Protein backbone atom coordinates (compact mmCIF):
# COMPACT_ATOMS: atom_id res chain seq x y z
CA UNK A 1 136.00 164.36 -4.49
CA UNK A 2 137.51 164.85 -7.95
CA UNK A 3 134.86 163.06 -10.01
CA UNK A 4 131.25 163.91 -10.77
CA UNK A 5 128.80 161.01 -11.19
CA UNK A 6 128.20 160.65 -14.91
CA UNK A 7 128.35 157.29 -16.67
CA UNK A 8 130.12 155.63 -18.36
CA UNK A 9 133.30 157.26 -17.01
CA UNK A 10 132.96 160.37 -14.92
CA UNK A 11 134.63 163.52 -16.24
CA UNK A 12 136.83 165.55 -13.96
CA UNK A 13 135.80 169.10 -13.12
CA UNK A 14 138.85 171.31 -12.69
CA UNK A 15 138.14 174.08 -10.22
CA UNK A 16 140.42 176.68 -11.74
CA UNK A 17 139.14 176.25 -15.30
CA UNK A 18 135.56 175.13 -14.49
CA UNK A 19 135.50 172.83 -17.51
CA UNK A 20 134.59 169.16 -17.54
CA UNK A 21 137.38 166.86 -18.73
CA UNK A 22 136.87 163.29 -20.00
CA UNK A 23 137.92 160.70 -17.44
CA UNK A 24 139.40 158.48 -20.18
CA UNK A 25 141.31 160.80 -22.51
CA UNK A 26 141.48 164.16 -20.63
CA UNK A 27 139.75 165.98 -23.50
CA UNK A 28 137.77 169.11 -22.55
CA UNK A 29 134.05 168.37 -22.80
CA UNK A 30 131.10 170.53 -23.74
CA UNK A 31 128.09 171.08 -21.49
CA UNK A 32 126.61 167.64 -22.26
CA UNK A 33 129.86 165.88 -21.15
CA UNK A 34 129.91 163.74 -24.29
CA UNK A 35 133.35 162.72 -25.56
CA UNK A 36 133.16 161.74 -29.22
CA UNK A 37 136.60 160.09 -28.98
CA UNK A 38 135.72 157.71 -26.13
CA UNK A 39 131.95 157.32 -26.26
CA UNK A 40 129.12 156.64 -28.66
CA UNK A 41 125.37 157.09 -28.35
CA UNK A 42 122.56 154.61 -28.72
CA UNK A 43 120.76 155.21 -32.02
CA UNK A 44 117.35 154.69 -30.38
CA UNK A 45 117.48 156.37 -26.93
CA UNK A 46 120.62 158.55 -27.21
CA UNK A 47 122.21 156.97 -24.11
CA UNK A 48 125.99 157.46 -23.69
CA UNK A 49 127.94 154.23 -24.25
CA UNK A 50 131.54 153.17 -24.32
CA UNK A 51 132.77 151.64 -27.56
CA UNK A 52 132.58 148.08 -26.25
CA UNK A 53 129.05 148.07 -24.82
CA UNK A 54 125.51 147.90 -26.18
CA UNK A 55 122.47 149.73 -24.84
CA UNK A 56 120.66 147.48 -22.37
CA UNK A 57 117.62 149.75 -22.49
CA UNK A 58 117.02 148.99 -26.16
CA UNK A 59 118.74 145.64 -26.79
CA UNK A 60 119.13 142.22 -25.23
CA UNK A 61 121.50 139.40 -26.12
CA UNK A 62 119.74 136.25 -27.31
CA UNK A 63 121.85 133.31 -26.11
CA UNK A 64 120.18 130.88 -28.50
CA UNK A 65 120.75 132.97 -31.63
CA UNK A 66 123.98 134.55 -30.33
CA UNK A 67 123.05 138.06 -31.41
CA UNK A 68 121.52 141.30 -30.17
CA UNK A 69 117.77 141.76 -30.61
CA UNK A 70 115.72 144.92 -30.17
CA UNK A 71 113.56 144.78 -27.04
CA UNK A 72 110.53 146.15 -28.93
CA UNK A 73 110.84 143.30 -31.45
CA UNK A 74 111.00 140.77 -28.61
CA UNK A 75 107.92 142.27 -26.99
CA UNK A 76 106.05 142.04 -30.29
CA UNK A 77 107.04 138.38 -30.62
CA UNK A 78 105.86 137.66 -27.08
CA UNK A 79 102.53 139.38 -27.74
CA UNK A 80 102.04 137.36 -30.92
CA UNK A 81 102.80 134.13 -29.07
CA UNK A 82 100.32 135.04 -26.34
CA UNK A 83 97.65 135.79 -28.94
CA UNK A 84 98.30 132.45 -30.67
CA UNK A 85 98.08 130.61 -27.35
CA UNK A 86 94.82 132.35 -26.53
CA UNK A 87 93.38 131.43 -29.94
CA UNK A 88 94.41 127.80 -29.42
CA UNK A 89 92.75 127.76 -25.99
CA UNK A 90 89.56 129.18 -27.49
CA UNK A 91 89.61 126.55 -30.24
CA UNK A 92 90.16 123.80 -27.68
CA UNK A 93 87.33 125.13 -25.54
CA UNK A 94 84.95 125.24 -28.51
CA UNK A 95 85.95 121.69 -29.53
CA UNK A 96 85.30 120.44 -26.00
CA UNK A 97 81.93 122.16 -25.96
CA UNK A 98 81.03 120.63 -29.31
CA UNK A 99 81.99 117.17 -28.06
CA UNK A 100 80.01 117.66 -24.88
CA UNK A 101 76.90 118.79 -26.77
CA UNK A 102 77.25 115.95 -29.26
CA UNK A 103 77.53 113.46 -26.43
CA UNK A 104 74.53 114.99 -24.65
CA UNK A 105 72.46 114.82 -27.82
CA UNK A 106 73.47 111.22 -28.47
CA UNK A 107 72.80 110.20 -24.87
CA UNK A 108 69.39 111.91 -24.80
CA UNK A 109 68.32 110.21 -28.03
CA UNK A 110 69.33 106.79 -26.68
CA UNK A 111 66.96 106.98 -23.70
């Protein structure tokens, strides 16, 4: 096997030289196998990327807004929505209790 498993494109390890070579441009690589000509790194998690891809660990594509959004930001939005929904449920529950008690009071005073 001529290739070692290392995304995004596996470098070739030449037996006689014992150096890793980029699978895209044949440039000799350092010990981290990063090719600055063919790859970039995610600014947040340092993952190796090709020039045409985005980091799926840190970003997701929002089809409604047609743009990339940080996953942490999305999680924060979801947490805020859940908190708002919980507050609304609590308000609804307290309103229902108030109505029930008001009805009970009215009914008891009628008889």
